[in-house]
Protein backbone atom coordinates (compact mmCIF):
# COMPACT_ATOMS: atom_id res chain seq x y z
CA UNK A 1 142.50 29.20 64.97
CA UNK A 2 142.37 27.55 68.06
CA UNK A 3 141.07 26.94 70.95
CA UNK A 4 142.48 26.83 74.34
CA UNK A 5 143.13 25.71 77.72
CA UNK A 6 143.33 23.26 80.53
CA UNK A 7 144.69 22.51 84.42
CA UNK A 8 147.50 20.92 84.16
CA UNK A 9 150.00 20.37 88.10
CA UNK A 10 152.27 23.41 87.22
CA UNK A 11 150.63 25.54 84.92
CA UNK A 12 148.06 27.83 83.75
CA UNK A 13 145.27 28.65 81.80
CA UNK A 14 142.68 28.66 78.51
CA UNK A 15 139.89 26.86 76.47
CA UNK A 16 139.24 26.25 72.65
CA UNK A 17 141.44 26.99 69.68
CA UNK A 18 141.82 26.83 69.77
CA UNK A 19 143.11 28.94 73.73
CA UNK A 20 143.00 28.84 77.09
CA UNK A 21 144.42 26.20 80.54
CA UNK A 22 144.14 25.71 84.16
CA UNK A 23 146.41 23.52 86.69
CA UNK A 24 145.19 20.40 88.08
CA UNK A 25 145.54 16.53 86.98
CA UNK A 26 143.43 14.87 84.21
CA UNK A 27 141.35 11.95 85.47
CA UNK A 28 143.27 8.85 85.01
CA UNK A 29 140.40 7.62 82.16
CA UNK A 30 140.29 9.25 79.19
CA UNK A 31 137.09 10.82 77.78
CA UNK A 32 134.51 8.22 76.94
CA UNK A 33 132.84 9.76 73.84
CA UNK A 34 129.92 8.51 72.35
CA UNK A 35 129.24 7.81 68.40
CA UNK A 36 127.67 10.86 67.75
CA UNK A 37 130.92 12.99 69.26
CA UNK A 38 132.62 10.82 67.88
CA UNK A 39 131.93 10.84 64.68
CA UNK A 40 132.37 15.07 65.62
CA UNK A 41 135.49 15.02 66.68
CA UNK A 42 137.03 13.06 63.41
CA UNK A 43 134.79 15.24 61.20
CA UNK A 44 136.85 18.23 62.08
CA UNK A 45 140.23 17.00 62.23
CA UNK A 46 139.74 15.45 58.75
CA UNK A 47 137.81 19.02 58.25
CA UNK A 48 140.64 20.86 59.33
CA UNK A 49 143.25 18.57 57.71
CA UNK A 50 141.50 19.56 54.07
CA UNK A 51 141.30 22.76 54.63
CA UNK A 52 144.75 23.76 55.92
CA UNK A 53 146.18 21.64 52.77
CA UNK A 54 144.29 23.00 50.38
CA UNK A 55 145.22 26.72 51.98
CA UNK A 56 149.13 25.45 52.29
CA UNK A 57 149.14 24.51 48.83
CA UNK A 58 147.06 27.72 47.29
CA UNK A 59 149.75 29.63 49.55
CA UNK A 60 153.34 27.25 48.28
CA UNK A 61 152.04 28.70 44.52
CA UNK A 62 151.93 32.03 45.12
CA UNK A 63 155.23 32.36 47.00
CA UNK A 64 156.97 30.41 44.65
CA UNK A 65 155.63 32.81 41.93
CA UNK A 66 157.26 35.97 43.84
CA UNK A 67 159.40 34.50 46.99
CA UNK A 68 159.56 37.73 47.88
CA UNK A 69 155.77 37.79 49.88
CA UNK A 70 157.77 36.69 53.06
CA UNK A 71 154.72 37.25 55.11
CA UNK A 72 152.67 34.55 53.07
CA UNK A 73 155.51 31.64 54.01
CA UNK A 74 154.75 32.72 57.66
CA UNK A 75 151.41 32.16 57.75
CA UNK A 76 152.12 29.32 55.63
CA UNK A 77 154.39 27.67 58.71
CA UNK A 78 152.30 28.84 61.66
CA UNK A 79 149.27 26.61 59.68
CA UNK A 80 151.22 23.73 59.20
CA UNK A 81 151.72 23.95 62.86
CA UNK A 82 147.63 24.42 63.85
CA UNK A 83 147.30 20.70 61.55
CA UNK A 84 149.77 19.32 64.01
CA UNK A 85 148.23 20.90 67.00
CA UNK A 86 144.61 19.94 66.00
CA UNK A 87 145.12 16.15 64.45
CA UNK A 88 146.90 14.90 68.15
CA UNK A 89 145.18 17.03 70.30
CA UNK A 90 143.96 15.46 73.58
CA UNK A 91 140.73 14.48 73.76
CA UNK A 92 138.17 16.98 75.89
CA UNK A 93 136.44 15.99 79.39
CA UNK A 94 134.20 18.48 78.51
CA UNK A 95 132.72 20.40 75.25
CA UNK A 96 130.58 22.98 73.89
CA UNK A 97 128.99 20.87 70.89
CA UNK A 98 126.10 23.51 70.26
CA UNK A 99 125.67 24.86 66.88
CA UNK A 100 126.69 28.92 67.75
CA UNK A 101 129.92 26.86 68.80
CA UNK A 102 130.00 24.70 65.95
CA UNK A 103 130.24 27.98 64.42
CA UNK A 104 131.97 30.85 65.47
CA UNK A 105 134.39 27.96 65.75
CA UNK A 106 134.61 26.77 61.76
CA UNK A 107 134.45 30.48 61.34
CA UNK A 108 137.35 31.08 63.11
CA UNK A 109 139.36 28.44 62.38
CA UNK A 110 139.05 27.61 58.36
CA UNK A 111 138.75 32.26 58.06
CA UNK A 112 141.95 32.25 55.80
CA UNK A 113 140.31 30.48 52.95
CA UNK A 114 139.00 33.35 51.64
CA UNK A 115 141.92 35.26 51.74
CA UNK A 116 142.53 36.92 48.44
CA UNK A 117 145.56 35.63 48.53
CA UNK A 118 147.32 37.34 45.16
CA UNK A 119 149.45 40.29 45.86
CA UNK A 120 147.69 43.72 47.76
CA UNK A 121 148.38 46.81 48.47
CA UNK A 122 151.42 47.28 50.30
CA UNK A 123 150.61 50.34 52.91
CA UNK A 124 153.97 48.77 54.81
CA UNK A 125 157.25 47.43 53.20
CA UNK A 126 157.03 43.88 53.29
CA UNK A 127 160.41 43.33 55.83
CA UNK A 128 158.36 46.04 57.93
CA UNK A 129 155.43 43.41 58.44
CA UNK A 130 157.80 40.61 58.78
CA UNK A 131 158.68 41.55 61.88
CA UNK A 132 155.31 42.37 63.25
CA UNK A 133 154.19 38.65 62.62
CA UNK A 134 157.24 37.08 64.02
CA UNK A 135 156.10 38.83 68.08
CA UNK A 136 151.95 37.30 67.04
CA UNK A 137 154.18 33.86 66.00
CA UNK A 138 156.60 33.86 68.75
CA UNK A 139 153.64 34.84 70.97
CA UNK A 140 151.80 31.39 69.31
CA UNK A 141 154.36 29.43 68.82
CA UNK A 142 155.07 30.29 73.36
CA UNK A 143 150.99 29.78 73.75
CA UNK A 144 150.68 26.35 72.33
CA UNK A 145 154.20 24.77 73.46
CA UNK A 146 152.95 25.61 77.36
CA UNK A 147 149.23 24.34 75.90
CA UNK A 148 150.72 21.36 74.50
CA UNK A 149 147.92 18.52 73.08
CA UNK A 150 145.41 20.59 74.97
CA UNK A 151 144.96 23.11 71.80
CA UNK A 152 141.70 22.05 69.99
CA UNK A 153 138.88 24.03 67.54
CA UNK A 154 135.51 23.81 70.34
CA UNK A 155 134.78 25.13 73.25
CA UNK A 156 136.03 22.32 75.32
CA UNK A 157 137.96 21.74 79.29
CA UNK A 158 140.78 20.18 78.43
CA UNK A 159 142.77 20.70 81.33
CA UNK A 160 143.13 23.93 83.29
CA UNK A 161 147.30 25.72 82.29
CA UNK A 162 147.91 28.40 83.98
CA UNK A 163 151.86 28.89 83.38
CA UNK A 164 154.18 30.31 80.37
CA UNK A 165 151.73 33.61 78.31
CA UNK A 166 148.64 32.18 80.87
CA UNK A 167 150.46 33.88 83.45
CA UNK A 168 149.47 37.30 82.08
CA UNK A 169 146.75 36.92 79.57
CA UNK A 170 144.14 35.04 79.84
CA UNK A 171 143.96 34.05 75.44
CA UNK A 172 147.56 34.64 74.65
CA UNK A 173 146.99 32.50 71.53
CA UNK A 174 144.55 34.25 69.66
CA UNK A 175 146.64 37.72 70.85
CA UNK A 176 149.36 36.29 68.61
CA UNK A 177 146.93 35.22 65.54
CA UNK A 178 145.26 39.15 65.79
CA UNK A 179 149.93 40.52 66.03
CA UNK A 180 150.42 37.79 62.78
CA UNK A 181 147.32 38.73 60.78
CA UNK A 182 148.23 42.64 60.94
CA UNK A 183 151.31 42.25 60.29
CA UNK A 184 149.96 39.67 56.99
CA UNK A 185 147.18 42.41 56.37
CA UNK A 186 149.48 45.56 55.95
CA UNK A 187 151.51 44.30 52.63
CA UNK A 188 148.62 42.98 51.27
CA UNK A 189 145.79 45.21 51.56
CA UNK A 190 142.56 44.70 50.44
CA UNK A 191 138.91 45.00 51.21
CA UNK A 192 138.17 41.48 51.37
CA UNK A 193 140.92 41.05 53.40
CA UNK A 194 140.03 43.64 55.88
CA UNK A 195 136.61 42.21 55.77
CA UNK A 196 138.03 38.75 56.63
CA UNK A 197 139.70 39.63 59.58
CA UNK A 198 137.48 42.49 60.25
CA UNK A 199 134.42 39.21 60.79
CA UNK A 200 137.83 36.71 62.32
CA UNK A 201 138.17 39.10 65.09
CA UNK A 202 134.29 39.44 65.61
CA UNK A 203 134.32 35.50 65.56
CA UNK A 204 137.00 35.24 68.00
CA UNK A 205 135.40 37.84 71.04
CA UNK A 206 132.58 35.61 70.81
CA UNK A 207 134.87 32.14 71.03
CA UNK A 208 136.22 33.54 73.89
CA UNK A 209 133.20 34.41 75.58
CA UNK A 210 132.08 30.43 74.88
CA UNK A 211 135.74 29.19 76.35
CA UNK A 212 135.24 30.96 79.33
CA UNK A 213 131.63 29.86 80.02
CA UNK A 214 132.26 25.66 79.83
CA UNK A 215 135.83 26.54 81.40
CA UNK A 216 134.04 28.97 84.16
CA UNK A 217 132.89 25.60 85.70
CA UNK A 218 135.52 24.33 86.57
CA UNK A 219 136.86 25.88 90.56
CA UNK A 220 140.54 25.52 89.32
CA UNK A 221 139.35 28.25 86.40
CA UNK A 222 136.95 30.83 87.90
CA UNK A 223 140.45 30.64 90.52
CA UNK A 224 142.58 31.86 87.26
CA UNK A 225 140.28 34.07 86.67
CA UNK A 226 140.11 35.92 89.69
CA UNK A 227 144.18 36.36 89.23
CA UNK A 228 144.40 37.09 86.38
CA UNK A 229 141.77 39.84 84.90
CA UNK A 230 142.79 40.71 81.35
CA UNK A 231 141.66 38.76 78.47
CA UNK A 232 144.17 39.55 75.36
CA UNK A 233 144.81 43.09 75.81
CA UNK A 234 146.77 43.49 79.77
CA UNK A 235 144.86 46.87 81.52
CA UNK A 236 142.09 46.80 78.74
CA UNK A 237 139.84 43.68 78.22
């Protein structure tokens, strides 16, 4: 969901939701927003909480019908975490409010509302898929705990974080999302869910490009990019 990234005195980097970090101290004064920017910030956070809440209610109903759907329960858990992170994220010093970034951020963040919640085709047993999901969730949690309040939706410079998983890849949160999504799709397979995840993957790749366009204006992030070469897959991309 989201953008990651920032600069902190002992860390490493990323950008929007949500994804990425850089080491450096923040200015003493908080970012100042215009009335329009403040309205956008508030609207994004309200929409995020609203969309996630609708998803959570739908997911809970399905889990109550069939408690064996652990993959759905785990997806619900990570969505709850995202609500907290989006609501309490710090205001970015620089953000990309272009229409393209807004559309990509909204699509990449709220894609889960298009899921077919009812049970689908089990390509693998639920227990096997749960193991895969847990791997993705651990990567997400590790990355988000590293970013803390530097996590967000729109491409932005909230500081550069270069510690934790950001020492290995520039966008580990997105890696966690992909692994978790595959873990959810395999036991809940269907054409609708497959299309949703395929679109989400393409959008995330585009978000990375937009995030890094914003972050690369920061010298600290450019230095970070020279040290950590790969975005999602070590040795490939």
